[in-house]
Amino acid sequence: LSCAASGRRFSSYGMGWFRQAPGKE
């Protein structure tokens, strides 16, 4: 999987992946 970020040039941030199955949190 890939996640491309855009729209904010001068910030630093950690990144995470989440998932959600039907009926689950």
PDB file of all heavy atoms in Angstrom:
ATOM      1  N   LEU A   1       0.831  -1.184   0.000  1.00  0.00           N
ATOM      2  CA  LEU A   1       0.000   0.000   0.000  1.00  0.00           C
ATOM      3  C   LEU A   1       0.875   1.246   0.000  1.00  0.00           C
ATOM      4  O   LEU A   1       1.958   1.265   0.594  1.00  0.00           O
ATOM      5  CB  LEU A   1      -0.912   0.028   1.225  1.00  0.00           C
ATOM      6  CG  LEU A   1      -1.786  -1.206   1.461  1.00  0.00           C
ATOM      7  CD1 LEU A   1      -2.684  -0.976   2.668  1.00  0.00           C
ATOM      8  CD2 LEU A   1      -2.604  -1.543   0.225  1.00  0.00           C
ATOM      9  N   SER A   2       0.388   2.285  -0.648  1.00  0.00           N
ATOM     10  CA  SER A   2       1.059   3.572  -0.663  1.00  0.00           C
ATOM     11  C   SER A   2       0.099   4.643  -0.175  1.00  0.00           C
ATOM     12  O   SER A   2      -1.114   4.549  -0.370  1.00  0.00           O
ATOM     13  CB  SER A   2       1.537   3.928  -2.070  1.00  0.00           C
ATOM     14  OG  SER A   2       2.466   2.987  -2.554  1.00  0.00           O
ATOM     15  N   CYS A   3       0.646   5.664   0.438  1.00  0.00           N
ATOM     16  CA  CYS A   3      -0.128   6.809   0.877  1.00  0.00           C
ATOM     17  C   CYS A   3       0.649   8.061   0.513  1.00  0.00           C
ATOM     18  O   CYS A   3       1.731   8.305   1.061  1.00  0.00           O
ATOM     19  CB  CYS A   3      -0.388   6.754   2.380  1.00  0.00           C
ATOM     20  SG  CYS A   3      -1.219   8.210   3.054  1.00  0.00           S
ATOM     21  N   ALA A   4       0.109   8.836  -0.399  1.00  0.00           N
ATOM     22  CA  ALA A   4       0.748  10.060  -0.857  1.00  0.00           C
ATOM     23  C   ALA A   4       0.143  11.254  -0.138  1.00  0.00           C
ATOM     24  O   ALA A   4      -1.079  11.405  -0.097  1.00  0.00           O
ATOM     25  CB  ALA A   4       0.592  10.209  -2.366  1.00  0.00           C
ATOM     26  N   ALA A   5       0.997  12.100   0.408  1.00  0.00           N
ATOM     27  CA  ALA A   5       0.566  13.281   1.141  1.00  0.00           C
ATOM     28  C   ALA A   5       0.843  14.532   0.332  1.00  0.00           C
ATOM     29  O   ALA A   5       1.865  14.635  -0.355  1.00  0.00           O
ATOM     30  CB  ALA A   5       1.275  13.367   2.486  1.00  0.00           C
ATOM     31  N   SER A   6      -0.055  15.486   0.431  1.00  0.00           N
ATOM     32  CA  SER A   6       0.119  16.760  -0.246  1.00  0.00           C
ATOM     33  C   SER A   6      -0.608  17.845   0.531  1.00  0.00           C
ATOM     34  O   SER A   6      -1.398  17.561   1.430  1.00  0.00           O
ATOM     35  CB  SER A   6      -0.403  16.699  -1.680  1.00  0.00           C
ATOM     36  OG  SER A   6      -1.798  16.445  -1.705  1.00  0.00           O
ATOM     37  N   GLY A   7      -0.319  19.103   0.180  1.00  0.00           N
ATOM     38  CA  GLY A   7      -1.069  20.223   0.714  1.00  0.00           C
ATOM     39  C   GLY A   7      -0.461  20.937   1.908  1.00  0.00           C
ATOM     40  O   GLY A   7      -0.985  21.962   2.315  1.00  0.00           O
ATOM     41  N   ARG A   8       0.609  20.392   2.473  1.00  0.00           N
ATOM     42  CA  ARG A   8       1.283  21.047   3.581  1.00  0.00           C
ATOM     43  C   ARG A   8       2.777  20.864   3.416  1.00  0.00           C
ATOM     44  O   ARG A   8       3.269  19.729   3.429  1.00  0.00           O
ATOM     45  CB  ARG A   8       0.809  20.505   4.925  1.00  0.00           C
ATOM     46  CG  ARG A   8       1.331  21.290   6.108  1.00  0.00           C
ATOM     47  CD  ARG A   8       0.629  20.885   7.388  1.00  0.00           C
ATOM     48  NE  ARG A   8       1.077  21.668   8.522  1.00  0.00           N
ATOM     49  CZ  ARG A   8       0.551  21.599   9.731  1.00  0.00           C
ATOM     50  NH1 ARG A   8      -0.468  20.776   9.962  1.00  0.00           N
ATOM     51  NH2 ARG A   8       1.026  22.351  10.709  1.00  0.00           N
ATOM     52  N   ARG A   9       3.469  21.961   3.294  1.00  0.00           N
ATOM     53  CA  ARG A   9       4.854  21.910   2.868  1.00  0.00           C
ATOM     54  C   ARG A   9       5.866  21.935   4.003  1.00  0.00           C
ATOM     55  O   ARG A   9       6.931  21.321   3.886  1.00  0.00           O
ATOM     56  CB  ARG A   9       5.118  23.081   1.917  1.00  0.00           C
ATOM     57  CG  ARG A   9       6.449  23.025   1.208  1.00  0.00           C
ATOM     58  CD  ARG A   9       6.510  24.067   0.114  1.00  0.00           C
ATOM     59  NE  ARG A   9       7.764  24.005  -0.629  1.00  0.00           N
ATOM     60  CZ  ARG A   9       8.030  24.714  -1.699  1.00  0.00           C
ATOM     61  NH1 ARG A   9       7.125  25.565  -2.176  1.00  0.00           N
ATOM     62  NH2 ARG A   9       9.204  24.595  -2.313  1.00  0.00           N
ATOM     63  N   PHE A  10       5.561  22.606   5.098  1.00  0.00           N
ATOM     64  CA  PHE A  10       6.578  22.880   6.107  1.00  0.00           C
ATOM     65  C   PHE A  10       6.260  22.268   7.463  1.00  0.00           C
ATOM     66  O   PHE A  10       6.577  22.840   8.506  1.00  0.00           O
ATOM     67  CB  PHE A  10       6.769  24.395   6.247  1.00  0.00           C
ATOM     68  CG  PHE A  10       7.254  25.043   4.996  1.00  0.00           C
ATOM     69  CD1 PHE A  10       6.411  25.885   4.271  1.00  0.00           C
ATOM     70  CD2 PHE A  10       8.531  24.828   4.528  1.00  0.00           C
ATOM     71  CE1 PHE A  10       6.844  26.497   3.109  1.00  0.00           C
ATOM     72  CE2 PHE A  10       8.978  25.427   3.370  1.00  0.00           C
ATOM     73  CZ  PHE A  10       8.134  26.265   2.655  1.00  0.00           C
ATOM     74  N   SER A  11       5.682  21.118   7.464  1.00  0.00           N
ATOM     75  CA  SER A  11       5.415  20.408   8.703  1.00  0.00           C
ATOM     76  C   SER A  11       6.127  19.059   8.704  1.00  0.00           C
ATOM     77  O   SER A  11       6.457  18.512   7.652  1.00  0.00           O
ATOM     78  CB  SER A  11       3.919  20.196   8.908  1.00  0.00           C
ATOM     79  OG  SER A  11       3.388  19.353   7.901  1.00  0.00           O
ATOM     80  N   SER A  12       6.356  18.535   9.891  1.00  0.00           N
ATOM     81  CA  SER A  12       6.832  17.172  10.068  1.00  0.00           C
ATOM     82  C   SER A  12       5.765  16.399  10.828  1.00  0.00           C
ATOM     83  O   SER A  12       5.070  16.956  11.682  1.00  0.00           O
ATOM     84  CB  SER A  12       8.165  17.136  10.811  1.00  0.00           C
ATOM     85  OG  SER A  12       8.048  17.714  12.095  1.00  0.00           O
ATOM     86  N   TYR A  13       5.636  15.132  10.523  1.00  0.00           N
ATOM     87  CA  TYR A  13       4.592  14.361  11.158  1.00  0.00           C
ATOM     88  C   TYR A  13       4.919  12.872  11.100  1.00  0.00           C
ATOM     89  O   TYR A  13       5.532  12.398  10.146  1.00  0.00           O
ATOM     90  CB  TYR A  13       3.225  14.622  10.514  1.00  0.00           C
ATOM     91  CG  TYR A  13       3.252  14.723   9.000  1.00  0.00           C
ATOM     92  CD1 TYR A  13       3.154  13.593   8.208  1.00  0.00           C
ATOM     93  CD2 TYR A  13       3.365  15.962   8.375  1.00  0.00           C
ATOM     94  CE1 TYR A  13       3.175  13.685   6.828  1.00  0.00           C
ATOM     95  CE2 TYR A  13       3.388  16.065   7.001  1.00  0.00           C
ATOM     96  CZ  TYR A  13       3.290  14.921   6.227  1.00  0.00           C
ATOM     97  OH  TYR A  13       3.311  15.015   4.858  1.00  0.00           O
ATOM     98  N   GLY A  14       4.501  12.180  12.126  1.00  0.00           N
ATOM     99  CA  GLY A  14       4.510  10.741  12.071  1.00  0.00           C
ATOM    100  C   GLY A  14       3.358  10.242  11.216  1.00  0.00           C
ATOM    101  O   GLY A  14       2.366  10.944  10.999  1.00  0.00           O
ATOM    102  N   MET A  15       3.496   9.033  10.738  1.00  0.00           N
ATOM    103  CA  MET A  15       2.471   8.442   9.885  1.00  0.00           C
ATOM    104  C   MET A  15       2.062   7.092  10.440  1.00  0.00           C
ATOM    105  O   MET A  15       2.892   6.350  10.978  1.00  0.00           O
ATOM    106  CB  MET A  15       2.970   8.273   8.457  1.00  0.00           C
ATOM    107  CG  MET A  15       3.293   9.577   7.744  1.00  0.00           C
ATOM    108  SD  MET A  15       1.803  10.560   7.394  1.00  0.00           S
ATOM    109  CE  MET A  15       0.936   9.456   6.274  1.00  0.00           C
ATOM    110  N   GLY A  16       0.798   6.786  10.290  1.00  0.00           N
ATOM    111  CA  GLY A  16       0.284   5.509  10.741  1.00  0.00           C
ATOM    112  C   GLY A  16      -0.638   4.878   9.724  1.00  0.00           C
ATOM    113  O   GLY A  16      -1.163   5.545   8.830  1.00  0.00           O
ATOM    114  N   TRP A  17      -0.810   3.584   9.856  1.00  0.00           N
ATOM    115  CA  TRP A  17      -1.800   2.827   9.101  1.00  0.00           C
ATOM    116  C   TRP A  17      -2.800   2.215  10.064  1.00  0.00           C
ATOM    117  O   TRP A  17      -2.417   1.652  11.098  1.00  0.00           O
ATOM    118  CB  TRP A  17      -1.150   1.712   8.276  1.00  0.00           C
ATOM    119  CG  TRP A  17      -0.417   2.184   7.064  1.00  0.00           C
ATOM    120  CD1 TRP A  17       0.909   2.427   6.946  1.00  0.00           C
ATOM    121  CD2 TRP A  17      -0.988   2.445   5.775  1.00  0.00           C
ATOM    122  NE1 TRP A  17       1.218   2.828   5.670  1.00  0.00           N
ATOM    123  CE2 TRP A  17       0.064   2.854   4.928  1.00  0.00           C
ATOM    124  CE3 TRP A  17      -2.280   2.383   5.256  1.00  0.00           C
ATOM    125  CZ2 TRP A  17      -0.135   3.194   3.587  1.00  0.00           C
ATOM    126  CZ3 TRP A  17      -2.484   2.721   3.928  1.00  0.00           C
ATOM    127  CH2 TRP A  17      -1.415   3.120   3.113  1.00  0.00           C
ATOM    128  N   PHE A  18      -4.064   2.324   9.703  1.00  0.00           N
ATOM    129  CA  PHE A  18      -5.160   1.702  10.426  1.00  0.00           C
ATOM    130  C   PHE A  18      -5.962   0.851   9.455  1.00  0.00           C
ATOM    131  O   PHE A  18      -5.840   0.987   8.239  1.00  0.00           O
ATOM    132  CB  PHE A  18      -6.066   2.754  11.057  1.00  0.00           C
ATOM    133  CG  PHE A  18      -5.457   3.490  12.215  1.00  0.00           C
ATOM    134  CD1 PHE A  18      -4.508   4.476  12.012  1.00  0.00           C
ATOM    135  CD2 PHE A  18      -5.840   3.208  13.517  1.00  0.00           C
ATOM    136  CE1 PHE A  18      -3.945   5.163  13.072  1.00  0.00           C
ATOM    137  CE2 PHE A  18      -5.297   3.886  14.590  1.00  0.00           C
ATOM    138  CZ  PHE A  18      -4.345   4.858  14.370  1.00  0.00           C
ATOM    139  N   ARG A  19      -6.803  -0.001  10.001  1.00  0.00           N
ATOM    140  CA  ARG A  19      -7.717  -0.762   9.160  1.00  0.00           C
ATOM    141  C   ARG A  19      -9.041  -0.931   9.879  1.00  0.00           C
ATOM    142  O   ARG A  19      -9.113  -0.880  11.106  1.00  0.00           O
ATOM    143  CB  ARG A  19      -7.133  -2.124   8.789  1.00  0.00           C
ATOM    144  CG  ARG A  19      -6.913  -3.065   9.966  1.00  0.00           C
ATOM    145  CD  ARG A  19      -6.144  -4.291   9.515  1.00  0.00           C
ATOM    146  NE  ARG A  19      -5.967  -5.258  10.585  1.00  0.00           N
ATOM    147  CZ  ARG A  19      -5.239  -6.361  10.488  1.00  0.00           C
ATOM    148  NH1 ARG A  19      -4.610  -6.640   9.345  1.00  0.00           N
ATOM    149  NH2 ARG A  19      -5.136  -7.193  11.518  1.00  0.00           N
ATOM    150  N   GLN A  20     -10.082  -1.127   9.084  1.00  0.00           N
ATOM    151  CA  GLN A  20     -11.412  -1.293   9.637  1.00  0.00           C
ATOM    152  C   GLN A  20     -12.184  -2.300   8.801  1.00  0.00           C
ATOM    153  O   GLN A  20     -12.382  -2.103   7.606  1.00  0.00           O
ATOM    154  CB  GLN A  20     -12.162   0.035   9.690  1.00  0.00           C
ATOM    155  CG  GLN A  20     -13.473  -0.045  10.437  1.00  0.00           C
ATOM    156  CD  GLN A  20     -14.025   1.324  10.774  1.00  0.00           C
ATOM    157  OE1 GLN A  20     -13.640   2.330  10.182  1.00  0.00           O
ATOM    158  NE2 GLN A  20     -14.928   1.372  11.741  1.00  0.00           N
ATOM    159  N   ALA A  21     -12.602  -3.365   9.450  1.00  0.00           N
ATOM    160  CA  ALA A  21     -13.447  -4.375   8.822  1.00  0.00           C
ATOM    161  C   ALA A  21     -14.906  -4.069   9.122  1.00  0.00           C
ATOM    162  O   ALA A  21     -15.215  -3.383  10.105  1.00  0.00           O
ATOM    163  CB  ALA A  21     -13.074  -5.762   9.338  1.00  0.00           C
ATOM    164  N   PRO A  22     -15.836  -4.565   8.300  1.00  0.00           N
ATOM    165  CA  PRO A  22     -17.254  -4.300   8.545  1.00  0.00           C
ATOM    166  C   PRO A  22     -17.679  -4.729   9.940  1.00  0.00           C
ATOM    167  O   PRO A  22     -17.375  -5.836  10.390  1.00  0.00           O
ATOM    168  CB  PRO A  22     -17.964  -5.129   7.467  1.00  0.00           C
ATOM    169  CG  PRO A  22     -16.961  -5.241   6.368  1.00  0.00           C
ATOM    170  CD  PRO A  22     -15.628  -5.337   7.060  1.00  0.00           C
ATOM    171  N   GLY A  23     -18.365  -3.839  10.623  1.00  0.00           N
ATOM    172  CA  GLY A  23     -18.842  -4.129  11.960  1.00  0.00           C
ATOM    173  C   GLY A  23     -17.800  -4.062  13.045  1.00  0.00           C
ATOM    174  O   GLY A  23     -18.114  -4.353  14.204  1.00  0.00           O
ATOM    175  N   LYS A  24     -16.580  -3.681  12.704  1.00  0.00           N
ATOM    176  CA  LYS A  24     -15.497  -3.612  13.675  1.00  0.00           C
ATOM    177  C   LYS A  24     -15.022  -2.176  13.842  1.00  0.00           C
ATOM    178  O   LYS A  24     -15.208  -1.336  12.965  1.00  0.00           O
ATOM    179  CB  LYS A  24     -14.317  -4.487  13.233  1.00  0.00           C
ATOM    180  CG  LYS A  24     -14.654  -5.944  13.012  1.00  0.00           C
ATOM    181  CD  LYS A  24     -15.034  -6.630  14.306  1.00  0.00           C
ATOM    182  CE  LYS A  24     -15.257  -8.117  14.079  1.00  0.00           C
ATOM    183  NZ  LYS A  24     -15.629  -8.806  15.342  1.00  0.00           N
ATOM    184  N   GLU A  25     -14.407  -1.922  14.974  1.00  0.00           N
ATOM    185  CA  GLU A  25     -13.816  -0.615  15.203  1.00  0.00           C
ATOM    186  C   GLU A  25     -12.519  -0.479  14.417  1.00  0.00           C
ATOM    187  O   GLU A  25     -11.886  -1.471  14.047  1.00  0.00           O
ATOM    188  CB  GLU A  25     -13.549  -0.401  16.692  1.00  0.00           C
ATOM    189  CG  GLU A  25     -14.797  -0.264  17.532  1.00  0.00           C
ATOM    190  CD  GLU A  25     -14.490   0.142  18.956  1.00  0.00           C
ATOM    191  OE1 GLU A  25     -13.303   0.107  19.351  1.00  0.00           O
ATOM    192  OE2 GLU A  25     -15.430   0.501  19.673  1.00  0.00           O
TER     193      GLU A  25
END
